[in-house]
Amino acid sequence: MLSNQTQQLLDVLAEQLQAVQLWSSVEPSHEALSSQAPFACDSMPFEMWLQFIFIPKMKQLIEKRLPLPTSMAITPMAEQVWSDMPRYQNVIRVIQQLDDLLNVPR
């Protein structure tokens, strides 16, 4: 059940990123994808981290039936990046839903 809900929210997140034109058709370099900085903030914009690192890794966990994170706080970063951009509020809302879903004690 949790995996299904997470998958649905990941799909909605991808749709919302596309809807506000934050979805990229150009993949970051291997070097950028290998960043060790939180949210790869030293090598790519936050939306690219969501698209090319977060969403694929979460989907991989679901596909392999591996445990999902139990403590996640992505919303503060989204709010920091897009705080003055009302058009991105739906994206932030979906990220908050993911945080809320995965932070529930299991």
PDB file of N, CA and C in Angstrom:
ATOM      1  N   MET A   1       0.820  -1.198   0.000  1.00  0.00           N
ATOM      2  CA  MET A   1       0.000   0.000   0.000  1.00  0.00           C
ATOM      3  C   MET A   1       0.865   1.263   0.000  1.00  0.00           C
ATOM      4  N   LEU A   2       1.852   1.315   0.901  1.00  0.00           N
ATOM      5  CA  LEU A   2       2.733   2.475   0.966  1.00  0.00           C
ATOM      6  C   LEU A   2       3.477   2.658  -0.352  1.00  0.00           C
ATOM      7  N   SER A   3       3.928   1.561  -0.925  1.00  0.00           N
ATOM      8  CA  SER A   3       4.639   1.640  -2.206  1.00  0.00           C
ATOM      9  C   SER A   3       3.735   2.195  -3.299  1.00  0.00           C
ATOM     10  N   ASN A   4       2.486   1.753  -3.321  1.00  0.00           N
ATOM     11  CA  ASN A   4       1.543   2.242  -4.332  1.00  0.00           C
ATOM     12  C   ASN A   4       1.279   3.733  -4.171  1.00  0.00           C
ATOM     13  N   GLN A   5       1.078   4.165  -2.932  1.00  0.00           N
ATOM     14  CA  GLN A   5       0.836   5.584  -2.669  1.00  0.00           C
ATOM     15  C   GLN A   5       2.056   6.417  -3.049  1.00  0.00           C
ATOM     16  N   THR A   6       3.230   5.909  -2.721  1.00  0.00           N
ATOM     17  CA  THR A   6       4.462   6.619  -3.050  1.00  0.00           C
ATOM     18  C   THR A   6       4.625   6.717  -4.558  1.00  0.00           C
ATOM     19  N   GLN A   7       4.394   5.619  -5.256  1.00  0.00           N
ATOM     20  CA  GLN A   7       4.492   5.609  -6.719  1.00  0.00           C
ATOM     21  C   GLN A   7       3.534   6.631  -7.328  1.00  0.00           C
ATOM     22  N   GLN A   8       2.315   6.672  -6.822  1.00  0.00           N
ATOM     23  CA  GLN A   8       1.331   7.628  -7.341  1.00  0.00           C
ATOM     24  C   GLN A   8       1.796   9.061  -7.132  1.00  0.00           C
ATOM     25  N   LEU A   9       2.321   9.357  -5.953  1.00  0.00           N
ATOM     26  CA  LEU A   9       2.797  10.713  -5.681  1.00  0.00           C
ATOM     27  C   LEU A   9       4.020  11.054  -6.523  1.00  0.00           C
ATOM     28  N   LEU A  10       4.892  10.091  -6.767  1.00  0.00           N
ATOM     29  CA  LEU A  10       6.044  10.337  -7.641  1.00  0.00           C
ATOM     30  C   LEU A  10       5.574  10.664  -9.056  1.00  0.00           C
ATOM     31  N   ASP A  11       4.552   9.961  -9.519  1.00  0.00           N
ATOM     32  CA  ASP A  11       3.997  10.241 -10.847  1.00  0.00           C
ATOM     33  C   ASP A  11       3.370  11.634 -10.896  1.00  0.00           C
ATOM     34  N   VAL A  12       2.656  11.999  -9.836  1.00  0.00           N
ATOM     35  CA  VAL A  12       2.051  13.333  -9.770  1.00  0.00           C
ATOM     36  C   VAL A  12       3.145  14.396  -9.717  1.00  0.00           C
ATOM     37  N   LEU A  13       4.207  14.136  -8.974  1.00  0.00           N
ATOM     38  CA  LEU A  13       5.321  15.080  -8.908  1.00  0.00           C
ATOM     39  C   LEU A  13       5.909  15.304 -10.293  1.00  0.00           C
ATOM     40  N   ALA A  14       6.143  14.234 -11.031  1.00  0.00           N
ATOM     41  CA  ALA A  14       6.672  14.366 -12.394  1.00  0.00           C
ATOM     42  C   ALA A  14       5.710  15.173 -13.264  1.00  0.00           C
ATOM     43  N   GLU A  15       4.427  14.897 -13.149  1.00  0.00           N
ATOM     44  CA  GLU A  15       3.421  15.640 -13.925  1.00  0.00           C
ATOM     45  C   GLU A  15       3.434  17.120 -13.566  1.00  0.00           C
ATOM     46  N   GLN A  16       3.532  17.423 -12.277  1.00  0.00           N
ATOM     47  CA  GLN A  16       3.541  18.822 -11.838  1.00  0.00           C
ATOM     48  C   GLN A  16       4.804  19.547 -12.311  1.00  0.00           C
ATOM     49  N   LEU A  17       5.937  18.868 -12.251  1.00  0.00           N
ATOM     50  CA  LEU A  17       7.176  19.478 -12.755  1.00  0.00           C
ATOM     51  C   LEU A  17       7.047  19.794 -14.238  1.00  0.00           C
ATOM     52  N   GLN A  18       6.438  18.890 -14.986  1.00  0.00           N
ATOM     53  CA  GLN A  18       6.224  19.123 -16.416  1.00  0.00           C
ATOM     54  C   GLN A  18       5.245  20.269 -16.636  1.00  0.00           C
ATOM     55  N   ALA A  19       4.192  20.320 -15.839  1.00  0.00           N
ATOM     56  CA  ALA A  19       3.150  21.337 -16.001  1.00  0.00           C
ATOM     57  C   ALA A  19       3.687  22.755 -15.840  1.00  0.00           C
ATOM     58  N   VAL A  20       4.693  22.915 -14.971  1.00  0.00           N
ATOM     59  CA  VAL A  20       5.261  24.255 -14.758  1.00  0.00           C
ATOM     60  C   VAL A  20       6.598  24.422 -15.485  1.00  0.00           C
ATOM     61  N   GLN A  21       6.838  23.534 -16.419  1.00  0.00           N
ATOM     62  CA  GLN A  21       8.014  23.588 -17.294  1.00  0.00           C
ATOM     63  C   GLN A  21       9.336  23.523 -16.531  1.00  0.00           C
ATOM     64  N   LEU A  22       9.363  22.685 -15.498  1.00  0.00           N
ATOM     65  CA  LEU A  22      10.604  22.438 -14.766  1.00  0.00           C
ATOM     66  C   LEU A  22      11.203  21.085 -15.125  1.00  0.00           C
ATOM     67  N   TRP A  23      10.622  20.402 -16.096  1.00  0.00           N
ATOM     68  CA  TRP A  23      11.078  19.084 -16.533  1.00  0.00           C
ATOM     69  C   TRP A  23      12.080  19.294 -17.653  1.00  0.00           C
ATOM     70  N   SER A  24      13.231  18.691 -17.541  1.00  0.00           N
ATOM     71  CA  SER A  24      14.292  18.890 -18.527  1.00  0.00           C
ATOM     72  C   SER A  24      14.388  17.723 -19.500  1.00  0.00           C
ATOM     73  N   SER A  25      14.685  18.043 -20.740  1.00  0.00           N
ATOM     74  CA  SER A  25      14.914  16.992 -21.740  1.00  0.00           C
ATOM     75  C   SER A  25      16.399  16.658 -21.838  1.00  0.00           C
ATOM     76  N   VAL A  26      17.219  17.425 -21.129  1.00  0.00           N
ATOM     77  CA  VAL A  26      18.669  17.219 -21.157  1.00  0.00           C
ATOM     78  C   VAL A  26      19.121  16.668 -19.806  1.00  0.00           C
ATOM     79  N   GLU A  27      19.719  15.483 -19.840  1.00  0.00           N
ATOM     80  CA  GLU A  27      20.199  14.854 -18.607  1.00  0.00           C
ATOM     81  C   GLU A  27      21.494  15.522 -18.145  1.00  0.00           C
ATOM     82  N   PRO A  28      21.659  15.702 -16.839  1.00  0.00           N
ATOM     83  CA  PRO A  28      22.913  16.264 -16.319  1.00  0.00           C
ATOM     84  C   PRO A  28      24.091  15.332 -16.623  1.00  0.00           C
ATOM     85  N   SER A  29      25.277  15.881 -16.560  1.00  0.00           N
ATOM     86  CA  SER A  29      26.481  15.086 -16.798  1.00  0.00           C
ATOM     87  C   SER A  29      26.640  14.024 -15.716  1.00  0.00           C
ATOM     88  N   HIS A  30      27.446  13.018 -16.005  1.00  0.00           N
ATOM     89  CA  HIS A  30      27.733  11.971 -15.021  1.00  0.00           C
ATOM     90  C   HIS A  30      28.334  12.597 -13.765  1.00  0.00           C
ATOM     91  N   GLU A  31      29.199  13.581 -13.961  1.00  0.00           N
ATOM     92  CA  GLU A  31      29.827  14.266 -12.830  1.00  0.00           C
ATOM     93  C   GLU A  31      28.767  14.947 -11.953  1.00  0.00           C
ATOM     94  N   ALA A  32      27.829  15.626 -12.586  1.00  0.00           N
ATOM     95  CA  ALA A  32      26.767  16.299 -11.832  1.00  0.00           C
ATOM     96  C   ALA A  32      25.916  15.285 -11.069  1.00  0.00           C
ATOM     97  N   LEU A  33      25.610  14.173 -11.713  1.00  0.00           N
ATOM     98  CA  LEU A  33      24.798  13.132 -11.076  1.00  0.00           C
ATOM     99  C   LEU A  33      25.534  12.454  -9.923  1.00  0.00           C
ATOM    100  N   SER A  34      26.852  12.555  -9.912  1.00  0.00           N
ATOM    101  CA  SER A  34      27.667  11.923  -8.869  1.00  0.00           C
ATOM    102  C   SER A  34      27.907  12.835  -7.673  1.00  0.00           C
ATOM    103  N   SER A  35      27.341  14.013  -7.687  1.00  0.00           N
ATOM    104  CA  SER A  35      27.543  14.971  -6.603  1.00  0.00           C
ATOM    105  C   SER A  35      27.195  14.353  -5.254  1.00  0.00           C
ATOM    106  N   GLN A  36      27.989  14.671  -4.254  1.00  0.00           N
ATOM    107  CA  GLN A  36      27.738  14.203  -2.894  1.00  0.00           C
ATOM    108  C   GLN A  36      27.073  15.280  -2.040  1.00  0.00           C
ATOM    109  N   ALA A  37      26.908  16.469  -2.594  1.00  0.00           N
ATOM    110  CA  ALA A  37      26.278  17.564  -1.852  1.00  0.00           C
ATOM    111  C   ALA A  37      24.785  17.285  -1.669  1.00  0.00           C
ATOM    112  N   PRO A  38      24.209  17.759  -0.574  1.00  0.00           N
ATOM    113  CA  PRO A  38      22.762  17.584  -0.401  1.00  0.00           C
ATOM    114  C   PRO A  38      22.003  18.149  -1.598  1.00  0.00           C
ATOM    115  N   PHE A  39      21.091  17.366  -2.121  1.00  0.00           N
ATOM    116  CA  PHE A  39      20.280  17.749  -3.274  1.00  0.00           C
ATOM    117  C   PHE A  39      21.132  18.086  -4.502  1.00  0.00           C
ATOM    118  N   ALA A  40      22.384  17.634  -4.521  1.00  0.00           N
ATOM    119  CA  ALA A  40      23.322  17.926  -5.614  1.00  0.00           C
ATOM    120  C   ALA A  40      23.343  19.422  -5.916  1.00  0.00           C
ATOM    121  N   CYS A  41      23.197  20.219  -4.867  1.00  0.00           N
ATOM    122  CA  CYS A  41      23.051  21.670  -5.032  1.00  0.00           C
ATOM    123  C   CYS A  41      24.281  22.338  -5.627  1.00  0.00           C
ATOM    124  N   ASP A  42      25.396  21.643  -5.623  1.00  0.00           N
ATOM    125  CA  ASP A  42      26.609  22.212  -6.205  1.00  0.00           C
ATOM    126  C   ASP A  42      26.719  21.952  -7.700  1.00  0.00           C
ATOM    127  N   SER A  43      25.812  21.135  -8.253  1.00  0.00           N
ATOM    128  CA  SER A  43      25.989  20.764  -9.656  1.00  0.00           C
ATOM    129  C   SER A  43      24.734  20.854 -10.522  1.00  0.00           C
ATOM    130  N   MET A  44      23.569  21.081  -9.907  1.00  0.00           N
ATOM    131  CA  MET A  44      22.346  21.162 -10.719  1.00  0.00           C
ATOM    132  C   MET A  44      21.249  21.862  -9.933  1.00  0.00           C
ATOM    133  N   PRO A  45      20.269  22.414 -10.650  1.00  0.00           N
ATOM    134  CA  PRO A  45      19.118  23.013  -9.964  1.00  0.00           C
ATOM    135  C   PRO A  45      18.305  21.942  -9.234  1.00  0.00           C
ATOM    136  N   PHE A  46      17.583  22.352  -8.219  1.00  0.00           N
ATOM    137  CA  PHE A  46      16.793  21.437  -7.398  1.00  0.00           C
ATOM    138  C   PHE A  46      15.832  20.598  -8.229  1.00  0.00           C
ATOM    139  N   GLU A  47      15.172  21.220  -9.213  1.00  0.00           N
ATOM    140  CA  GLU A  47      14.214  20.461 -10.027  1.00  0.00           C
ATOM    141  C   GLU A  47      14.888  19.340 -10.808  1.00  0.00           C
ATOM    142  N   MET A  48      16.146  19.539 -11.198  1.00  0.00           N
ATOM    143  CA  MET A  48      16.867  18.468 -11.894  1.00  0.00           C
ATOM    144  C   MET A  48      17.221  17.352 -10.918  1.00  0.00           C
ATOM    145  N   TRP A  49      17.534  17.715  -9.680  1.00  0.00           N
ATOM    146  CA  TRP A  49      17.785  16.685  -8.666  1.00  0.00           C
ATOM    147  C   TRP A  49      16.534  15.829  -8.482  1.00  0.00           C
ATOM    148  N   LEU A  50      15.368  16.484  -8.413  1.00  0.00           N
ATOM    149  CA  LEU A  50      14.118  15.735  -8.285  1.00  0.00           C
ATOM    150  C   LEU A  50      13.935  14.792  -9.470  1.00  0.00           C
ATOM    151  N   GLN A  51      14.129  15.315 -10.670  1.00  0.00           N
ATOM    152  CA  GLN A  51      13.871  14.543 -11.887  1.00  0.00           C
ATOM    153  C   GLN A  51      14.874  13.422 -12.112  1.00  0.00           C
ATOM    154  N   PHE A  52      16.144  13.705 -11.929  1.00  0.00           N
ATOM    155  CA  PHE A  52      17.178  12.750 -12.334  1.00  0.00           C
ATOM    156  C   PHE A  52      17.782  11.933 -11.196  1.00  0.00           C
ATOM    157  N   ILE A  53      17.546  12.329  -9.962  1.00  0.00           N
ATOM    158  CA  ILE A  53      18.099  11.568  -8.835  1.00  0.00           C
ATOM    159  C   ILE A  53      16.979  11.054  -7.922  1.00  0.00           C
ATOM    160  N   PHE A  54      16.190  11.954  -7.370  1.00  0.00           N
ATOM    161  CA  PHE A  54      15.182  11.543  -6.387  1.00  0.00           C
ATOM    162  C   PHE A  54      14.122  10.606  -6.966  1.00  0.00           C
ATOM    163  N   ILE A  55      13.436  11.028  -8.005  1.00  0.00           N
ATOM    164  CA  ILE A  55      12.351  10.203  -8.561  1.00  0.00           C
ATOM    165  C   ILE A  55      12.871   8.844  -9.021  1.00  0.00           C
ATOM    166  N   PRO A  56      13.964   8.784  -9.802  1.00  0.00           N
ATOM    167  CA  PRO A  56      14.455   7.456 -10.220  1.00  0.00           C
ATOM    168  C   PRO A  56      14.872   6.561  -9.051  1.00  0.00           C
ATOM    169  N   LYS A  57      15.533   7.129  -8.038  1.00  0.00           N
ATOM    170  CA  LYS A  57      15.958   6.303  -6.897  1.00  0.00           C
ATOM    171  C   LYS A  57      14.758   5.782  -6.111  1.00  0.00           C
ATOM    172  N   MET A  58      13.765   6.615  -5.937  1.00  0.00           N
ATOM    173  CA  MET A  58      12.571   6.169  -5.225  1.00  0.00           C
ATOM    174  C   MET A  58      11.846   5.081  -6.013  1.00  0.00           C
ATOM    175  N   LYS A  59      11.743   5.253  -7.312  1.00  0.00           N
ATOM    176  CA  LYS A  59      11.082   4.239  -8.144  1.00  0.00           C
ATOM    177  C   LYS A  59      11.867   2.929  -8.125  1.00  0.00           C
ATOM    178  N   GLN A  60      13.186   3.035  -8.077  1.00  0.00           N
ATOM    179  CA  GLN A  60      14.024   1.838  -8.008  1.00  0.00           C
ATOM    180  C   GLN A  60      13.772   1.086  -6.693  1.00  0.00           C
ATOM    181  N   LEU A  61      13.668   1.813  -5.597  1.00  0.00           N
ATOM    182  CA  LEU A  61      13.362   1.176  -4.309  1.00  0.00           C
ATOM    183  C   LEU A  61      12.025   0.442  -4.377  1.00  0.00           C
ATOM    184  N   ILE A  62      11.049   1.081  -4.992  1.00  0.00           N
ATOM    185  CA  ILE A  62       9.717   0.473  -5.106  1.00  0.00           C
ATOM    186  C   ILE A  62       9.771  -0.776  -5.979  1.00  0.00           C
ATOM    187  N   GLU A  63      10.414  -0.666  -7.139  1.00  0.00           N
ATOM    188  CA  GLU A  63      10.489  -1.800  -8.068  1.00  0.00           C
ATOM    189  C   GLU A  63      11.201  -3.000  -7.454  1.00  0.00           C
ATOM    190  N   LYS A  64      12.250  -2.729  -6.670  1.00  0.00           N
ATOM    191  CA  LYS A  64      13.017  -3.816  -6.058  1.00  0.00           C
ATOM    192  C   LYS A  64      12.451  -4.235  -4.704  1.00  0.00           C
ATOM    193  N   ARG A  65      11.336  -3.613  -4.330  1.00  0.00           N
ATOM    194  CA  ARG A  65      10.671  -3.909  -3.062  1.00  0.00           C
ATOM    195  C   ARG A  65      11.606  -3.711  -1.861  1.00  0.00           C
ATOM    196  N   LEU A  66      12.420  -2.677  -1.943  1.00  0.00           N
ATOM    197  CA  LEU A  66      13.324  -2.329  -0.853  1.00  0.00           C
ATOM    198  C   LEU A  66      12.619  -1.349   0.085  1.00  0.00           C
ATOM    199  N   PRO A  67      13.094  -1.230   1.316  1.00  0.00           N
ATOM    200  CA  PRO A  67      12.450  -0.309   2.258  1.00  0.00           C
ATOM    201  C   PRO A  67      12.512   1.138   1.765  1.00  0.00           C
ATOM    202  N   LEU A  68      11.421   1.836   1.953  1.00  0.00           N
ATOM    203  CA  LEU A  68      11.371   3.255   1.610  1.00  0.00           C
ATOM    204  C   LEU A  68      11.904   4.068   2.785  1.00  0.00           C
ATOM    205  N   PRO A  69      12.354   5.284   2.531  1.00  0.00           N
ATOM    206  CA  PRO A  69      12.860   6.121   3.630  1.00  0.00           C
ATOM    207  C   PRO A  69      11.809   6.286   4.727  1.00  0.00           C
ATOM    208  N   THR A  70      12.276   6.388   5.947  1.00  0.00           N
ATOM    209  CA  THR A  70      11.363   6.582   7.074  1.00  0.00           C
ATOM    210  C   THR A  70      11.507   7.966   7.684  1.00  0.00           C
ATOM    211  N   SER A  71      12.463   8.714   7.197  1.00  0.00           N
ATOM    212  CA  SER A  71      12.668  10.079   7.668  1.00  0.00           C
ATOM    213  C   SER A  71      13.122  10.907   6.475  1.00  0.00           C
ATOM    214  N   MET A  72      12.248  11.773   6.023  1.00  0.00           N
ATOM    215  CA  MET A  72      12.549  12.531   4.814  1.00  0.00           C
ATOM    216  C   MET A  72      12.051  13.961   5.004  1.00  0.00           C
ATOM    217  N   ALA A  73      12.839  14.929   4.551  1.00  0.00           N
ATOM    218  CA  ALA A  73      12.449  16.341   4.658  1.00  0.00           C
ATOM    219  C   ALA A  73      12.920  17.084   3.415  1.00  0.00           C
ATOM    220  N   ILE A  74      12.183  16.905   2.343  1.00  0.00           N
ATOM    221  CA  ILE A  74      12.517  17.574   1.086  1.00  0.00           C
ATOM    222  C   ILE A  74      11.774  18.905   0.970  1.00  0.00           C
ATOM    223  N   THR A  75      10.635  19.009   1.636  1.00  0.00           N
ATOM    224  CA  THR A  75       9.818  20.221   1.541  1.00  0.00           C
ATOM    225  C   THR A  75      10.582  21.493   1.904  1.00  0.00           C
ATOM    226  N   PRO A  76      11.380  21.517   2.974  1.00  0.00           N
ATOM    227  CA  PRO A  76      12.093  22.759   3.289  1.00  0.00           C
ATOM    228  C   PRO A  76      12.987  23.247   2.139  1.00  0.00           C
ATOM    229  N   MET A  77      13.613  22.331   1.427  1.00  0.00           N
ATOM    230  CA  MET A  77      14.436  22.735   0.287  1.00  0.00           C
ATOM    231  C   MET A  77      13.556  23.309  -0.821  1.00  0.00           C
ATOM    232  N   ALA A  78      12.441  22.656  -1.100  1.00  0.00           N
ATOM    233  CA  ALA A  78      11.523  23.154  -2.132  1.00  0.00           C
ATOM    234  C   ALA A  78      11.018  24.549  -1.768  1.00  0.00           C
ATOM    235  N   GLU A  79      10.671  24.739  -0.511  1.00  0.00           N
ATOM    236  CA  GLU A  79      10.196  26.056  -0.066  1.00  0.00           C
ATOM    237  C   GLU A  79      11.294  27.102  -0.170  1.00  0.00           C
ATOM    238  N   GLN A  80      12.505  26.721   0.134  1.00  0.00           N
ATOM    239  CA  GLN A  80      13.641  27.646   0.030  1.00  0.00           C
ATOM    240  C   GLN A  80      13.856  28.075  -1.421  1.00  0.00           C
ATOM    241  N   VAL A  81      13.826  27.108  -2.317  1.00  0.00           N
ATOM    242  CA  VAL A  81      14.103  27.376  -3.731  1.00  0.00           C
ATOM    243  C   VAL A  81      12.971  28.158  -4.388  1.00  0.00           C
ATOM    244  N   TRP A  82      11.733  27.802  -4.071  1.00  0.00           N
ATOM    245  CA  TRP A  82      10.584  28.363  -4.797  1.00  0.00           C
ATOM    246  C   TRP A  82       9.686  29.241  -3.933  1.00  0.00           C
ATOM    247  N   SER A  83      10.188  29.769  -2.829  1.00  0.00           N
ATOM    248  CA  SER A  83       9.350  30.518  -1.888  1.00  0.00           C
ATOM    249  C   SER A  83       8.647  31.718  -2.513  1.00  0.00           C
ATOM    250  N   ASP A  84       9.284  32.372  -3.454  1.00  0.00           N
ATOM    251  CA  ASP A  84       8.681  33.566  -4.061  1.00  0.00           C
ATOM    252  C   ASP A  84       8.094  33.282  -5.443  1.00  0.00           C
ATOM    253  N   MET A  85       7.786  32.024  -5.714  1.00  0.00           N
ATOM    254  CA  MET A  85       7.259  31.632  -7.023  1.00  0.00           C
ATOM    255  C   MET A  85       5.926  30.894  -6.846  1.00  0.00           C
ATOM    256  N   PRO A  86       4.829  31.630  -6.796  1.00  0.00           N
ATOM    257  CA  PRO A  86       3.515  31.013  -6.554  1.00  0.00           C
ATOM    258  C   PRO A  86       3.152  29.911  -7.543  1.00  0.00           C
ATOM    259  N   ARG A  87       3.656  29.986  -8.756  1.00  0.00           N
ATOM    260  CA  ARG A  87       3.271  28.977  -9.757  1.00  0.00           C
ATOM    261  C   ARG A  87       3.810  27.589  -9.422  1.00  0.00           C
ATOM    262  N   TYR A  88       4.764  27.505  -8.489  1.00  0.00           N
ATOM    263  CA  TYR A  88       5.345  26.214  -8.123  1.00  0.00           C
ATOM    264  C   TYR A  88       4.730  25.629  -6.850  1.00  0.00           C
ATOM    265  N   GLN A  89       3.692  26.263  -6.338  1.00  0.00           N
ATOM    266  CA  GLN A  89       3.094  25.805  -5.077  1.00  0.00           C
ATOM    267  C   GLN A  89       2.525  24.391  -5.170  1.00  0.00           C
ATOM    268  N   ASN A  90       2.006  24.004  -6.331  1.00  0.00           N
ATOM    269  CA  ASN A  90       1.497  22.634  -6.474  1.00  0.00           C
ATOM    270  C   ASN A  90       2.629  21.614  -6.400  1.00  0.00           C
ATOM    271  N   VAL A  91       3.783  21.973  -6.920  1.00  0.00           N
ATOM    272  CA  VAL A  91       4.948  21.083  -6.837  1.00  0.00           C
ATOM    273  C   VAL A  91       5.341  20.921  -5.365  1.00  0.00           C
ATOM    274  N   ILE A  92       5.404  22.032  -4.656  1.00  0.00           N
ATOM    275  CA  ILE A  92       5.751  21.987  -3.232  1.00  0.00           C
ATOM    276  C   ILE A  92       4.724  21.149  -2.465  1.00  0.00           C
ATOM    277  N   ARG A  93       3.457  21.290  -2.805  1.00  0.00           N
ATOM    278  CA  ARG A  93       2.393  20.544  -2.130  1.00  0.00           C
ATOM    279  C   ARG A  93       2.581  19.034  -2.298  1.00  0.00           C
ATOM    280  N   VAL A  94       2.945  18.602  -3.491  1.00  0.00           N
ATOM    281  CA  VAL A  94       3.161  17.165  -3.732  1.00  0.00           C
ATOM    282  C   VAL A  94       4.380  16.679  -2.950  1.00  0.00           C
ATOM    283  N   ILE A  95       5.427  17.478  -2.925  1.00  0.00           N
ATOM    284  CA  ILE A  95       6.620  17.113  -2.154  1.00  0.00           C
ATOM    285  C   ILE A  95       6.257  16.993  -0.671  1.00  0.00           C
ATOM    286  N   GLN A  96       5.437  17.913  -0.175  1.00  0.00           N
ATOM    287  CA  GLN A  96       4.986  17.843   1.221  1.00  0.00           C
ATOM    288  C   GLN A  96       4.194  16.561   1.473  1.00  0.00           C
ATOM    289  N   GLN A  97       3.366  16.178   0.514  1.00  0.00           N
ATOM    290  CA  GLN A  97       2.597  14.937   0.657  1.00  0.00           C
ATOM    291  C   GLN A  97       3.525  13.726   0.728  1.00  0.00           C
ATOM    292  N   LEU A  98       4.580  13.732  -0.064  1.00  0.00           N
ATOM    293  CA  LEU A  98       5.563  12.640  -0.005  1.00  0.00           C
ATOM    294  C   LEU A  98       6.256  12.617   1.352  1.00  0.00           C
ATOM    295  N   ASP A  99       6.696  13.789   1.812  1.00  0.00           N
ATOM    296  CA  ASP A  99       7.323  13.868   3.138  1.00  0.00           C
ATOM    297  C   ASP A  99       6.378  13.323   4.207  1.00  0.00           C
ATOM    298  N   ASP A 100       5.131  13.780   4.181  1.00  0.00           N
ATOM    299  CA  ASP A 100       4.155  13.352   5.190  1.00  0.00           C
ATOM    300  C   ASP A 100       3.918  11.844   5.138  1.00  0.00           C
ATOM    301  N   LEU A 101       3.772  11.317   3.938  1.00  0.00           N
ATOM    302  CA  LEU A 101       3.506   9.887   3.766  1.00  0.00           C
ATOM    303  C   LEU A 101       4.643   9.033   4.318  1.00  0.00           C
ATOM    304  N   LEU A 102       5.867   9.423   4.002  1.00  0.00           N
ATOM    305  CA  LEU A 102       7.011   8.585   4.363  1.00  0.00           C
ATOM    306  C   LEU A 102       7.510   8.821   5.783  1.00  0.00           C
ATOM    307  N   ASN A 103       7.090   9.897   6.415  1.00  0.00           N
ATOM    308  CA  ASN A 103       7.527  10.177   7.784  1.00  0.00           C
ATOM    309  C   ASN A 103       6.588   9.621   8.842  1.00  0.00           C
ATOM    310  N   VAL A 104       5.542   8.947   8.418  1.00  0.00           N
ATOM    311  CA  VAL A 104       4.617   8.332   9.371  1.00  0.00           C
ATOM    312  C   VAL A 104       5.291   7.101   9.976  1.00  0.00           C
ATOM    313  N   PRO A 105       5.292   6.986  11.303  1.00  0.00           N
ATOM    314  CA  PRO A 105       5.903   5.795  11.925  1.00  0.00           C
ATOM    315  C   PRO A 105       5.259   4.508  11.403  1.00  0.00           C
ATOM    316  N   ARG A 106       6.115   3.536  11.124  1.00  0.00           N
ATOM    317  CA  ARG A 106       5.610   2.245  10.618  1.00  0.00           C
ATOM    318  C   ARG A 106       5.993   1.142  11.568  1.00  0.00           C
TER     319      ARG A 106
END
